Amino acid sequence: MEDFFGIAVPLGVLFIGLPWLILHYITKWKQSPSLTNEDERLLDDMHLTARRLEERLQTIERIIAADNPDFRPSLPRRDEDDFRRSDLRDNDYSRRN
C-alpha cells in the first residue's frame, strides 16, 4: 500500500497538478486587462510632463552654473539632439506597436 501511494502521488502531481497549475495561470494571464487608449494617453501626457520638467531643470542648472562657476549639476546633461523642442509640441497619441 505504501508503494502505491509512493508512486501514485508523485505521478498525480506531475500529470494532473502541474498541468492544471500552468493552465490556470495562463488563463489568468490572458484574462488580465491591457492598457486602454485612455491609459496610453495618460502615459503619453506623463512622459511629456516629465520631459518638460527635465528641460526646466536643465535651464535652472545652466542659470546657476552661469552665476556660480563651482556649481556641478547632479546628473550629466543630455545632448540637445536628444531633447528637441519639436518633440514636445508634436504629441502623437497613436498606438506604438
Protein backbone atom coordinates (compact mmCIF):
# COMPACT_ATOMS: atom_id res chain seq x y z
CA MET A 1 0.00 0.00 0.00
CA GLU A 2 2.88 2.37 0.78
CA ASP A 3 4.40 1.58 -2.61
CA PHE A 4 1.13 2.53 -4.31
CA PHE A 5 0.97 5.96 -2.63
CA GLY A 6 4.70 6.41 -3.14
CA ILE A 7 4.14 6.11 -6.90
CA ALA A 8 0.59 7.45 -7.31
CA VAL A 9 1.08 10.77 -5.51
CA PRO A 10 4.14 11.94 -7.48
CA LEU A 11 2.54 10.81 -10.76
CA GLY A 12 -0.71 12.59 -9.88
CA VAL A 13 1.17 15.76 -9.03
CA LEU A 14 3.25 15.50 -12.21
CA PHE A 15 0.47 14.69 -14.69
CA ILE A 16 -2.55 16.40 -13.07
CA GLY A 17 -1.39 19.08 -10.65
CA LEU A 18 1.40 20.65 -12.66
CA PRO A 19 -0.55 21.00 -15.95
CA TRP A 20 -3.54 22.37 -14.03
CA LEU A 21 -1.34 24.95 -12.33
CA ILE A 22 0.28 26.03 -15.61
CA LEU A 23 -3.03 26.25 -17.48
CA HIS A 24 -4.64 28.11 -14.59
CA TYR A 25 -2.05 30.90 -14.67
CA ILE A 26 -2.01 31.03 -18.48
CA THR A 27 -5.77 31.63 -18.37
CA LYS A 28 -5.36 34.32 -15.69
CA TRP A 29 -2.64 35.99 -17.78
CA LYS A 30 -4.85 36.07 -20.88
CA GLN A 31 -7.80 37.49 -18.93
CA SER A 32 -5.79 40.34 -17.45
CA PRO A 33 -6.78 43.72 -18.86
CA SER A 34 -4.50 45.52 -21.24
CA LEU A 35 -3.92 49.25 -21.49
CA THR A 36 -6.84 51.22 -22.81
CA ASN A 37 -6.50 54.17 -25.15
CA GLU A 38 -7.12 56.49 -22.23
CA ASP A 39 -4.34 54.80 -20.24
CA GLU A 40 -1.94 55.19 -23.15
CA ARG A 41 -2.90 58.86 -23.50
CA LEU A 42 -2.30 59.37 -19.78
CA LEU A 43 1.12 57.73 -20.02
CA ASP A 44 1.99 59.93 -23.00
CA ASP A 45 0.93 63.02 -21.07
CA MET A 46 3.02 61.98 -18.07
CA HIS A 47 6.01 61.37 -20.33
CA LEU A 48 5.54 64.80 -21.91
CA THR A 49 5.31 66.43 -18.47
CA ALA A 50 8.47 64.66 -17.32
CA ARG A 51 10.37 65.87 -20.38
CA ARG A 52 9.18 69.45 -19.79
CA LEU A 53 10.27 69.26 -16.17
CA GLU A 54 13.64 67.92 -17.23
CA GLU A 55 14.05 70.84 -19.63
CA ARG A 56 13.18 73.28 -16.86
CA LEU A 57 15.69 71.66 -14.53
CA GLN A 58 18.39 71.91 -17.19
CA THR A 59 17.58 75.60 -17.66
CA ILE A 60 17.83 76.23 -13.93
CA GLU A 61 21.14 74.37 -13.77
CA ARG A 62 22.51 76.46 -16.66
CA ILE A 63 21.47 79.67 -14.88
CA ILE A 64 23.04 78.57 -11.60
CA ALA A 65 26.21 77.40 -13.40
CA ALA A 66 26.50 80.81 -15.08
CA ASP A 67 26.25 82.58 -11.70
CA ASN A 68 28.41 80.15 -9.76
CA PRO A 69 31.35 78.53 -11.62
CA ASP A 70 31.83 75.97 -8.80
CA PHE A 71 28.35 74.52 -9.32
CA ARG A 72 28.24 70.98 -10.68
CA PRO A 73 24.94 69.50 -11.88
CA SER A 74 23.93 66.26 -10.21
CA LEU A 75 23.33 64.40 -13.48
CA PRO A 76 25.15 64.68 -16.79
CA ARG A 77 23.37 66.84 -19.33
CA ARG A 78 21.69 65.30 -22.31
CA ASP A 79 22.62 66.34 -25.82
CA GLU A 80 20.36 68.91 -27.40
CA ASP A 81 19.72 66.48 -30.26
CA ASP A 82 18.17 64.01 -27.82
CA PHE A 83 15.86 66.64 -26.42
CA ARG A 84 14.18 68.54 -29.21
CA ARG A 85 11.52 71.14 -28.55
CA SER A 86 9.57 69.90 -31.56
CA ASP A 87 9.02 66.60 -29.75
CA LEU A 88 7.19 68.49 -27.03
CA ARG A 89 4.81 70.18 -29.44
CA ASP A 90 4.04 67.16 -31.63
CA ASN A 91 2.21 64.94 -29.21
CA ASP A 92 1.11 61.85 -31.11
CA TYR A 93 -1.46 59.65 -29.38
CA SER A 94 -1.39 56.84 -31.91
CA ARG A 95 -0.60 53.36 -30.68
CA ARG A 96 3.08 52.50 -30.94
CA ASN A 97 3.27 48.78 -31.66
